[in-house]
Every structure is written in C-alpha cells, then in structure tokens.
Amino acid sequence: MQYNFDEITDRRGTNSYKWDNAPDGVIPLWVADMDFRTAAPVVDALRQRVGHGIFGYTKVPDEYYEAVIGWFGRRHGLHILKDWIIYTSGVVPAVSAILKAMTEPGDKVLVQTPVYNCFFSSIRNNGCTAESSPLVRTGDTYTIDFEDFEAKAADPSVKVFILCNPHNPAGRVWTAEELRKMGEICLRHNVFVIADEIHCELVYPGCEYVPFASLSDDFCRNSATCVSPSKAFNIAGLQIADIIVSDPDTRARIDRAININEVCDVNPFGVIATIAAYNEGGEWLEQLLAYLKGNYTFMKDFCTSRLPEFPIARLEGTYLVWMDCSVLKIPSGELEDRLMKEAGIWLNAGTMYGAEGEGFQRWNIACPRARLQEALERFERFVRGLAL
C-alpha cells in the first residue's frame, strides 16, 4: 500500500496538545508528535476494537508480548524473554519509576546535555540531582567527552546514567563502539543504565540503531531499556510503553516502583495498536522514514542556500532538527516567543534541554513538506527583517 505523507490533515479542534495550544495561524513544530495518520493496519485494528463498544479494564494478552518480542528480534537483533517485559503507560513514567527503584533521594543521575527535558523533571521529582556530562559539538554533530563522562560516573553519588539513543535533540545515533565505552565506564563505577530508546525506529540510512542491552550480557543485566511504538507510529495518545529488564531482582524493584507510582495499567487501545504496529506496520514505517529523510534533506538544502547563518545538526535519528540560531544573539526562550508572535511558527527553545542549548531551537519536521516549507519561509522572513 502506498501512503501519502503530503496529505494535509487538519488537527485543530481534536484536542491536540500540539495544535490546539497554538494560536490561530501559527504552525506548531514543537512537541514531538507527527502530523501524519498512522499505519492503516493500526487504524483498522482500533476501528474493529471500537466496534465492540465495551472498554473495560484490560488484560494484556500473550499476543502483545509476542509482538514486542518478534519485532525487536527481527528488526534489531534484541532477543527478549516474556518475563523481561514490564508494560506501563509511557516512557516518561517508565524512567521515573526506574529512578525511584534504583536511587535514593540525594543521589545524582548522569545525563548528556543538551538532552530531553523530561529527564530533568523525572530526576527532580525523585529527589535526585542531574549531573551533566555535556556533549561536544564537533562540526555539524556531537560527540562524547569520555574523559569527562568517566570523571562524572566515578563520583560515588552518581547511581544512574540515562542514555538517550537516538539522542534527542542532538540527532545522534550512538555507534556500538560509543555504547560499549559508556557501558564499560558504567560497569566500572557501578552506575545503572536507563536506556531511553523510544526513537529507535527513526534511524536513517548510513546509521544503525544498536540496542544497548544487545551488546553484552553484563550490559543487559546492568540496564533497563525503555521502548514504545508511540514515536514511530504516532500513537503517543494511546499511552503504552515497555521496560525491558533481564535481571530478576532489578525487575522486581522496578515492578514495585511502577505500582507505587500507579502506572501499572494500560488502556485497550494501546495494546491493540502495539500488536498491529509491530506485526503489520513495517511497510508504513519504511515509507515514513523515506519521507522524513526527504524532509531533512529539503531543510538542509534550504538552510544551506537561504539561511547559511543558521546551521543545522546532522540528523542520524529522530525527526527533531537542532538549529544553531546563536548569530541572532537573542536568548533562546525569547526567540521562541518572538518566532511564535512575529513569524507564526512554534519551535522549542534550546534551553529546555539544558544550559548547553542556549542559542539553539529544535524543529519537529514530521509534517507534510509543504507545511515545513512554509515554516522555513516564515523563519527566513523573520530573520531577514532583523537586518543581520
């Protein structure tokens, strides 16, 4: 089946967090959900479930576990046992529950900034402190300062490292070698790894997503991997995710924390959608990836030819593009506000992702190309009006 990702779907008036929070006339390219209809098999499965008309408490069936196990085994070489899977309502609740299980108030949690903003709130809400090992900007991408990373991991107060792979917002897909180095450092210093791999399906040609837990038995035992079909299949509102934990003692602690946090139940639509996505959604996903890659190429060409003062990071994974706006010398938060009010586009201020994000804006390019083009042209008119 051929999917049409150029189709414009009006999302206003659907209680869309992305669109119905945006003023009229503003193009929202901020929060990480896509403006594309999900795969037809997912829609069909949900439609069939709705037809039943009763939506009581949900028992997660064996078919669900089989779908998760089959997908990650076939697609990513990650071999999971059913007992390793803990389902929950989302990756953010998963990260928070794992932190509750693996830390005590006052502990430090290592992150690589700039990084996903909800890590900071999850760390703070569990009474812990974020310890940053900033990524190093190298040309149009980011690398890891392993000397700094090890120095931070060696602090006895650091108990957990939250790995973001693919990395949001830097767009990196960490190589097996990079992951091994991080994993070995964490093992040396008794630091537990939370691998947030929610964007794992959104990886472009020339790069390969390597599940952290697949690299060694020791890494697998010293980690909990968080995954969900929500980003790749645009079903975040169905609230479903999985934590993959091989060590039984660690799994028991996390399962207890999931129950303490009251995020141990999921809804029937999330279960049904996951099964359909993992069993039948591969063709749609491949077409999506090709379209998203085309959007990135379009944006890269646009910026190179018309906005050379605003370089964008190389995009290896995710649909989130990191733009350097430092030439404007406008604080990132102020620039986000002005772009919304004066240009009619809503981006994310880089400082959401840590102090290292100052001077940057994050673009969500998961939209029809005509909409992306209009947003880029609005951005261009805005910056040219500032008479750089």
Protein backbone atom coordinates (compact mmCIF):
# COMPACT_ATOMS: atom_id res chain seq x y z
CA MET A 1 0.00 0.00 0.00
CA GLN A 2 1.30 3.45 -0.90
CA TYR A 3 0.86 6.09 1.81
CA ASN A 4 0.50 9.81 1.12
CA PHE A 5 2.56 11.77 3.64
CA ASP A 6 1.96 15.00 1.72
CA GLU A 7 -1.69 14.93 2.77
CA ILE A 8 -2.67 17.84 5.00
CA THR A 9 -4.83 16.68 7.90
CA ASP A 10 -6.50 19.40 9.97
CA ARG A 11 -5.76 18.60 13.61
CA ARG A 12 -7.32 21.70 15.16
CA GLY A 13 -10.45 21.03 17.16
CA THR A 14 -9.36 17.48 18.06
CA ASN A 15 -7.96 18.45 21.49
CA SER A 16 -4.48 18.11 20.02
CA TYR A 17 -1.87 19.15 22.56
CA LYS A 18 0.34 20.25 19.69
CA TRP A 19 -2.20 22.16 17.60
CA ASP A 20 -4.95 23.30 19.95
CA ASN A 21 -2.41 25.02 22.22
CA ALA A 22 -1.12 27.02 19.25
CA PRO A 23 -2.72 30.38 18.38
CA ASP A 24 -4.64 30.53 15.12
CA GLY A 25 -2.33 30.91 12.16
CA VAL A 26 0.71 29.54 13.97
CA ILE A 27 2.45 26.45 12.57
CA PRO A 28 3.41 24.27 15.57
CA LEU A 29 6.69 22.43 15.08
CA TRP A 30 7.46 21.90 18.73
CA VAL A 31 6.27 18.87 20.73
CA ALA A 32 7.38 15.51 19.30
CA ASP A 33 4.32 14.12 17.63
CA MET A 34 3.77 13.83 13.89
CA ASP A 35 1.14 15.33 11.61
CA PHE A 36 0.70 12.03 9.75
CA ARG A 37 -2.07 9.49 10.06
CA THR A 38 -0.72 6.26 11.48
CA ALA A 39 -0.41 2.98 9.59
CA ALA A 40 -3.63 1.61 8.11
CA PRO A 41 -3.35 -1.72 10.00
CA VAL A 42 -3.27 0.21 13.27
CA VAL A 43 -6.32 2.27 12.34
CA ASP A 44 -8.17 -0.86 11.19
CA ALA A 45 -7.38 -2.73 14.40
CA LEU A 46 -8.55 0.20 16.53
CA ARG A 47 -11.71 0.61 14.47
CA GLN A 48 -12.54 -3.06 14.97
CA ARG A 49 -11.96 -2.74 18.72
CA VAL A 50 -14.16 0.37 18.93
CA GLY A 51 -16.94 -1.57 17.22
CA HIS A 52 -17.13 -3.88 20.21
CA GLY A 53 -18.36 -0.93 22.26
CA ILE A 54 -17.12 -2.02 25.70
CA PHE A 55 -13.90 -0.62 27.10
CA GLY A 56 -13.33 -2.14 30.49
CA TYR A 57 -10.14 -2.98 32.31
CA THR A 58 -7.58 -4.59 30.02
CA LYS A 59 -5.77 -7.89 30.32
CA VAL A 60 -2.56 -7.75 28.31
CA PRO A 61 -2.58 -10.94 26.19
CA ASP A 62 0.26 -13.21 25.12
CA GLU A 63 -0.15 -11.79 21.62
CA TYR A 64 1.11 -8.45 22.91
CA TYR A 65 4.32 -9.94 24.31
CA GLU A 66 4.82 -11.98 21.16
CA ALA A 67 4.51 -8.83 19.02
CA VAL A 68 7.10 -6.95 21.08
CA ILE A 69 9.49 -9.91 21.19
CA GLY A 70 9.08 -10.61 17.47
CA TRP A 71 9.61 -7.01 16.39
CA PHE A 72 12.79 -6.40 18.37
CA GLY A 73 14.19 -9.81 17.49
CA ARG A 74 13.55 -9.49 13.74
CA ARG A 75 14.33 -5.83 13.33
CA HIS A 76 17.06 -5.14 15.86
CA GLY A 77 18.58 -8.43 16.97
CA LEU A 78 17.47 -7.85 20.57
CA HIS A 79 16.31 -11.18 21.95
CA ILE A 80 13.82 -10.65 24.76
CA LEU A 81 12.06 -13.11 27.04
CA LYS A 82 8.46 -12.51 28.01
CA ASP A 83 9.35 -12.24 31.69
CA TRP A 84 11.68 -9.33 30.95
CA ILE A 85 8.83 -7.07 29.79
CA ILE A 86 7.05 -4.67 32.14
CA TYR A 87 4.33 -2.68 30.40
CA THR A 88 3.38 0.81 31.52
CA SER A 89 1.69 3.97 30.27
CA GLY A 90 4.67 5.76 28.72
CA VAL A 91 8.42 6.12 28.61
CA VAL A 92 8.47 9.16 30.92
CA PRO A 93 6.54 7.29 33.65
CA ALA A 94 8.89 4.35 33.00
CA VAL A 95 12.02 6.47 33.51
CA SER A 96 10.55 7.98 36.66
CA ALA A 97 9.67 4.57 38.12
CA ILE A 98 13.12 3.17 37.33
CA LEU A 99 14.71 6.15 39.07
CA LYS A 100 12.50 5.52 42.09
CA ALA A 101 13.63 1.88 42.13
CA MET A 102 17.34 2.47 41.59
CA THR A 103 18.09 5.66 43.55
CA GLU A 104 17.60 7.29 46.91
CA PRO A 105 16.79 10.98 47.40
CA GLY A 106 20.01 12.95 47.21
CA ASP A 107 21.64 10.69 44.62
CA LYS A 108 22.96 12.07 41.34
CA VAL A 109 21.82 10.97 37.88
CA LEU A 110 24.15 11.38 34.92
CA VAL A 111 22.81 12.88 31.67
CA GLN A 112 24.37 14.10 28.42
CA THR A 113 23.21 17.63 27.74
CA PRO A 114 21.58 19.04 25.73
CA VAL A 115 19.05 16.30 26.36
CA TYR A 116 15.31 15.56 26.56
CA ASN A 117 13.76 17.97 29.05
CA CYS A 118 11.59 15.42 30.88
CA PHE A 119 14.72 13.70 32.19
CA PHE A 120 15.28 16.72 34.40
CA SER A 121 11.76 16.67 35.84
CA SER A 122 11.88 12.91 36.47
CA ILE A 123 15.21 13.29 38.27
CA ARG A 124 13.93 16.22 40.32
CA ASN A 125 10.63 14.52 41.18
CA ASN A 126 12.53 11.59 42.66
CA GLY A 127 14.58 13.85 44.91
CA CYS A 128 17.76 13.43 42.88
CA THR A 129 20.12 15.86 41.17
CA ALA A 130 21.08 15.89 37.49
CA GLU A 131 24.82 15.60 36.84
CA SER A 132 25.70 16.67 33.31
CA SER A 133 28.46 15.41 31.07
CA PRO A 134 27.90 17.83 28.18
CA LEU A 135 28.17 16.57 24.63
CA VAL A 136 30.87 18.17 22.49
CA ARG A 137 29.79 20.00 19.38
CA THR A 138 32.03 18.82 16.56
CA GLY A 139 31.26 20.36 13.17
CA ASP A 140 27.65 19.58 12.38
CA THR A 141 27.28 16.88 15.02
CA TYR A 142 28.01 15.96 18.63
CA THR A 143 30.47 13.59 20.24
CA ILE A 144 31.11 12.33 23.77
CA ASP A 145 33.87 13.62 26.03
CA PHE A 146 34.69 10.22 27.51
CA GLU A 147 37.22 11.64 29.95
CA ASP A 148 34.57 13.91 31.41
CA PHE A 149 31.96 11.14 31.25
CA GLU A 150 34.14 8.81 33.30
CA ALA A 151 35.05 11.53 35.78
CA LYS A 152 31.35 12.19 36.40
CA ALA A 153 30.48 8.48 36.55
CA ALA A 154 33.26 7.91 39.10
CA ASP A 155 31.52 10.19 41.60
CA PRO A 156 30.13 7.77 44.25
CA SER A 157 26.96 9.87 44.39
CA VAL A 158 26.16 9.08 40.74
CA LYS A 159 23.96 5.98 40.78
CA VAL A 160 22.24 6.05 37.39
CA PHE A 161 23.01 7.17 33.86
CA ILE A 162 20.13 7.98 31.49
CA LEU A 163 21.20 7.11 27.97
CA CYS A 164 19.20 8.73 25.15
CA ASN A 165 19.61 6.67 21.95
CA PRO A 166 18.82 8.00 19.39
CA HIS A 167 19.64 11.25 21.12
CA ASN A 168 17.05 14.00 21.46
CA PRO A 169 17.73 16.79 20.48
CA ALA A 170 21.26 16.25 19.08
CA GLY A 171 20.06 13.77 16.44
CA ARG A 172 22.88 11.30 17.12
CA VAL A 173 22.51 7.53 16.82
CA TRP A 174 25.27 6.22 19.04
CA THR A 175 27.59 3.65 17.48
CA ALA A 176 28.25 0.26 19.02
CA GLU A 177 31.76 1.46 19.95
CA GLU A 178 30.41 4.55 21.72
CA LEU A 179 27.81 2.49 23.55
CA ARG A 180 30.42 -0.05 24.66
CA LYS A 181 32.64 2.69 26.06
CA MET A 182 29.74 4.19 28.01
CA GLY A 183 28.61 0.77 29.20
CA GLU A 184 32.07 -0.25 30.37
CA ILE A 185 32.51 3.01 32.28
CA CYS A 186 29.16 2.48 33.99
CA LEU A 187 30.09 -1.08 34.94
CA ARG A 188 33.45 0.04 36.37
CA HIS A 189 31.76 2.58 38.60
CA ASN A 190 28.60 0.64 39.50
CA VAL A 191 26.32 3.05 37.64
CA PHE A 192 22.99 1.61 36.45
CA VAL A 193 21.90 2.49 32.90
CA ILE A 194 18.40 3.56 31.89
CA ALA A 195 18.35 3.31 28.09
CA ASP A 196 15.63 5.54 26.67
CA GLU A 197 15.34 4.12 23.16
CA ILE A 198 11.89 5.46 22.28
CA HIS A 199 13.14 6.90 18.95
CA CYS A 200 14.86 3.65 17.96
CA GLU A 201 12.78 3.08 14.81
CA LEU A 202 13.52 6.55 13.47
CA VAL A 203 17.02 5.95 12.10
CA TYR A 204 18.20 6.89 8.61
CA PRO A 205 20.39 5.13 6.04
CA GLY A 206 24.04 5.10 6.95
CA CYS A 207 23.33 4.73 10.65
CA GLU A 208 22.22 1.75 12.70
CA TYR A 209 20.34 1.64 15.97
CA VAL A 210 22.11 -0.75 18.33
CA PRO A 211 20.12 -1.68 21.45
CA PHE A 212 22.37 -1.05 24.45
CA ALA A 213 21.24 -4.29 26.07
CA SER A 214 22.22 -6.31 22.98
CA LEU A 215 25.94 -5.57 23.31
CA SER A 216 26.74 -7.87 26.25
CA ASP A 217 25.13 -9.92 28.98
CA ASP A 218 26.70 -7.60 31.55
CA PHE A 219 25.22 -4.53 29.90
CA CYS A 220 21.86 -6.25 29.70
CA ARG A 221 21.90 -7.07 33.43
CA ASN A 222 23.04 -3.55 34.35
CA SER A 223 20.30 -1.76 32.44
CA ALA A 224 16.63 -1.21 31.86
CA THR A 225 15.56 -0.37 28.30
CA CYS A 226 12.50 1.79 27.67
CA VAL A 227 10.73 1.42 24.31
CA SER A 228 7.37 2.27 22.81
CA PRO A 229 5.71 2.35 19.39
CA SER A 230 4.43 5.85 20.21
CA LYS A 231 7.02 7.97 18.37
CA ALA A 232 7.50 5.79 15.31
CA PHE A 233 3.79 5.14 14.75
CA ASN A 234 2.42 8.45 16.06
CA ILE A 235 0.26 6.92 18.80
CA ALA A 236 1.54 8.76 21.88
CA GLY A 237 -2.03 9.48 22.98
CA LEU A 238 -2.70 5.76 23.38
CA GLN A 239 -0.21 5.68 26.27
CA ILE A 240 1.71 2.43 26.05
CA ALA A 241 5.37 1.58 26.64
CA ASP A 242 7.58 -1.26 27.80
CA ILE A 243 10.51 -1.59 30.16
CA ILE A 244 12.86 -4.45 29.27
CA VAL A 245 14.80 -5.77 32.28
CA SER A 246 16.65 -9.10 32.31
CA ASP A 247 17.87 -9.19 35.92
CA PRO A 248 15.07 -10.60 38.11
CA ASP A 249 15.99 -8.67 41.26
CA THR A 250 16.19 -5.39 39.39
CA ARG A 251 12.94 -6.20 37.61
CA ALA A 252 11.18 -6.81 40.92
CA ARG A 253 12.35 -3.44 42.23
CA ILE A 254 11.17 -1.65 39.10
CA ASP A 255 7.86 -3.51 39.05
CA ARG A 256 7.30 -2.42 42.65
CA ALA A 257 8.06 1.20 41.73
CA ILE A 258 5.66 1.01 38.78
CA ASN A 259 2.93 0.01 41.21
CA ILE A 260 3.89 2.66 43.77
CA ASN A 261 3.66 5.30 41.03
CA GLU A 262 0.28 3.85 39.93
CA VAL A 263 1.31 3.49 36.26
CA CYS A 264 0.82 -0.27 36.11
CA ASP A 265 -2.35 -0.23 33.98
CA VAL A 266 -2.70 0.41 30.25
CA ASN A 267 -5.70 1.01 28.03
CA PRO A 268 -7.09 -1.43 25.47
CA PHE A 269 -6.28 0.82 22.51
CA GLY A 270 -2.59 0.98 23.36
CA VAL A 271 -2.40 -2.80 23.50
CA ILE A 272 -4.27 -3.29 20.23
CA ALA A 273 -2.24 -0.60 18.44
CA THR A 274 1.08 -2.05 19.58
CA ILE A 275 0.17 -5.50 18.29
CA ALA A 276 -0.93 -4.12 14.93
CA ALA A 277 2.07 -1.80 14.58
CA TYR A 278 4.68 -4.43 15.37
CA ASN A 279 3.01 -7.19 13.38
CA GLU A 280 1.81 -5.25 10.33
CA GLY A 281 3.26 -1.73 10.38
CA GLY A 282 6.67 -2.32 8.84
CA GLU A 283 5.76 -1.20 5.32
CA TRP A 284 4.26 2.07 6.57
CA LEU A 285 7.32 2.72 8.72
CA GLU A 286 9.72 2.28 5.81
CA GLN A 287 7.74 4.78 3.74
CA LEU A 288 7.64 7.18 6.69
CA LEU A 289 11.42 7.02 7.11
CA ALA A 290 11.96 7.79 3.44
CA TYR A 291 9.64 10.80 3.68
CA LEU A 292 11.25 12.11 6.87
CA LYS A 293 14.69 11.76 5.30
CA GLY A 294 13.36 13.77 2.36
CA ASN A 295 12.11 16.47 4.74
CA TYR A 296 15.52 16.69 6.38
CA THR A 297 17.25 16.92 3.01
CA PHE A 298 14.82 19.65 1.97
CA MET A 299 15.51 21.60 5.17
CA LYS A 300 19.26 21.11 4.87
CA ASP A 301 19.25 22.39 1.28
CA PHE A 302 17.01 25.33 2.24
CA CYS A 303 19.28 26.34 5.11
CA THR A 304 22.44 25.92 3.07
CA SER A 305 21.20 28.10 0.22
CA ARG A 306 18.98 30.62 2.00
CA LEU A 307 19.87 30.51 5.70
CA PRO A 308 23.60 29.78 5.83
CA GLU A 309 23.93 31.66 9.13
CA PHE A 310 21.69 29.04 10.77
CA PRO A 311 23.43 25.66 10.51
CA ILE A 312 21.52 22.55 11.48
CA ALA A 313 22.91 19.42 13.09
CA ARG A 314 23.36 16.24 11.10
CA LEU A 315 20.23 14.13 11.58
CA GLU A 316 21.03 10.46 12.11
CA GLY A 317 17.85 9.63 14.02
CA THR A 318 14.57 11.13 15.30
CA TYR A 319 12.59 13.75 13.37
CA LEU A 320 13.89 16.60 15.55
CA VAL A 321 16.31 19.04 13.96
CA TRP A 322 18.69 21.12 16.08
CA MET A 323 19.30 24.60 14.63
CA ASP A 324 22.05 26.99 15.70
CA CYS A 325 20.50 30.46 15.99
CA SER A 326 23.32 32.00 18.01
CA VAL A 327 24.04 34.54 15.28
CA LEU A 328 20.90 36.40 16.38
CA LYS A 329 22.23 36.93 19.90
CA ILE A 330 18.68 36.56 21.20
CA PRO A 331 18.16 34.30 24.26
CA SER A 332 16.54 31.04 23.19
CA GLY A 333 13.41 31.48 25.29
CA GLU A 334 12.85 34.99 23.96
CA LEU A 335 13.44 33.81 20.41
CA GLU A 336 10.85 31.03 20.79
CA ASP A 337 8.29 33.63 21.92
CA ARG A 338 9.12 36.07 19.16
CA LEU A 339 9.00 33.41 16.46
CA MET A 340 5.52 32.47 17.60
CA LYS A 341 4.23 36.04 17.82
CA GLU A 342 6.06 37.63 14.89
CA ALA A 343 6.69 34.74 12.48
CA GLY A 344 3.81 32.39 13.21
CA ILE A 345 5.93 29.31 13.95
CA TRP A 346 6.29 27.49 17.25
CA LEU A 347 9.66 25.87 17.88
CA ASN A 348 11.28 24.67 21.12
CA ALA A 349 13.86 26.86 22.84
CA GLY A 350 17.17 25.06 23.15
CA THR A 351 17.44 25.89 26.84
CA MET A 352 14.63 23.41 27.53
CA TYR A 353 17.32 20.77 27.09
CA GLY A 354 19.91 22.25 29.44
CA ALA A 355 22.19 25.26 29.54
CA GLU A 356 24.11 23.88 26.55
CA GLY A 357 21.03 24.51 24.43
CA GLU A 358 21.34 28.28 24.65
CA GLY A 359 21.38 29.75 21.15
CA PHE A 360 19.51 26.81 19.60
CA GLN A 361 15.96 25.99 18.52
CA ARG A 362 14.54 22.49 17.97
CA TRP A 363 12.38 21.87 14.90
CA ASN A 364 9.92 18.99 14.55
CA ILE A 365 9.97 18.18 10.82
CA ALA A 366 7.41 15.33 10.97
CA CYS A 367 4.84 17.12 8.87
CA PRO A 368 3.83 17.41 5.21
CA ARG A 369 6.66 19.04 3.24
CA ALA A 370 4.52 21.98 2.15
CA ARG A 371 3.96 22.85 5.81
CA LEU A 372 7.69 22.59 6.54
CA GLN A 373 8.48 24.80 3.55
CA GLU A 374 6.00 27.43 4.74
CA ALA A 375 7.54 27.40 8.22
CA LEU A 376 11.06 27.78 6.84
CA GLU A 377 9.96 30.69 4.65
CA ARG A 378 8.33 32.35 7.65
CA PHE A 379 11.55 31.88 9.62
CA GLU A 380 13.55 33.38 6.74
CA ARG A 381 11.29 36.45 6.54
CA PHE A 382 11.59 36.93 10.29
CA VAL A 383 15.38 36.81 10.42
CA ARG A 384 15.80 38.97 7.31
CA GLY A 385 13.57 41.54 8.97
CA LEU A 386 16.10 41.75 11.79
CA ALA A 387 18.69 43.08 9.34
CA LEU A 388 21.54 40.77 10.32
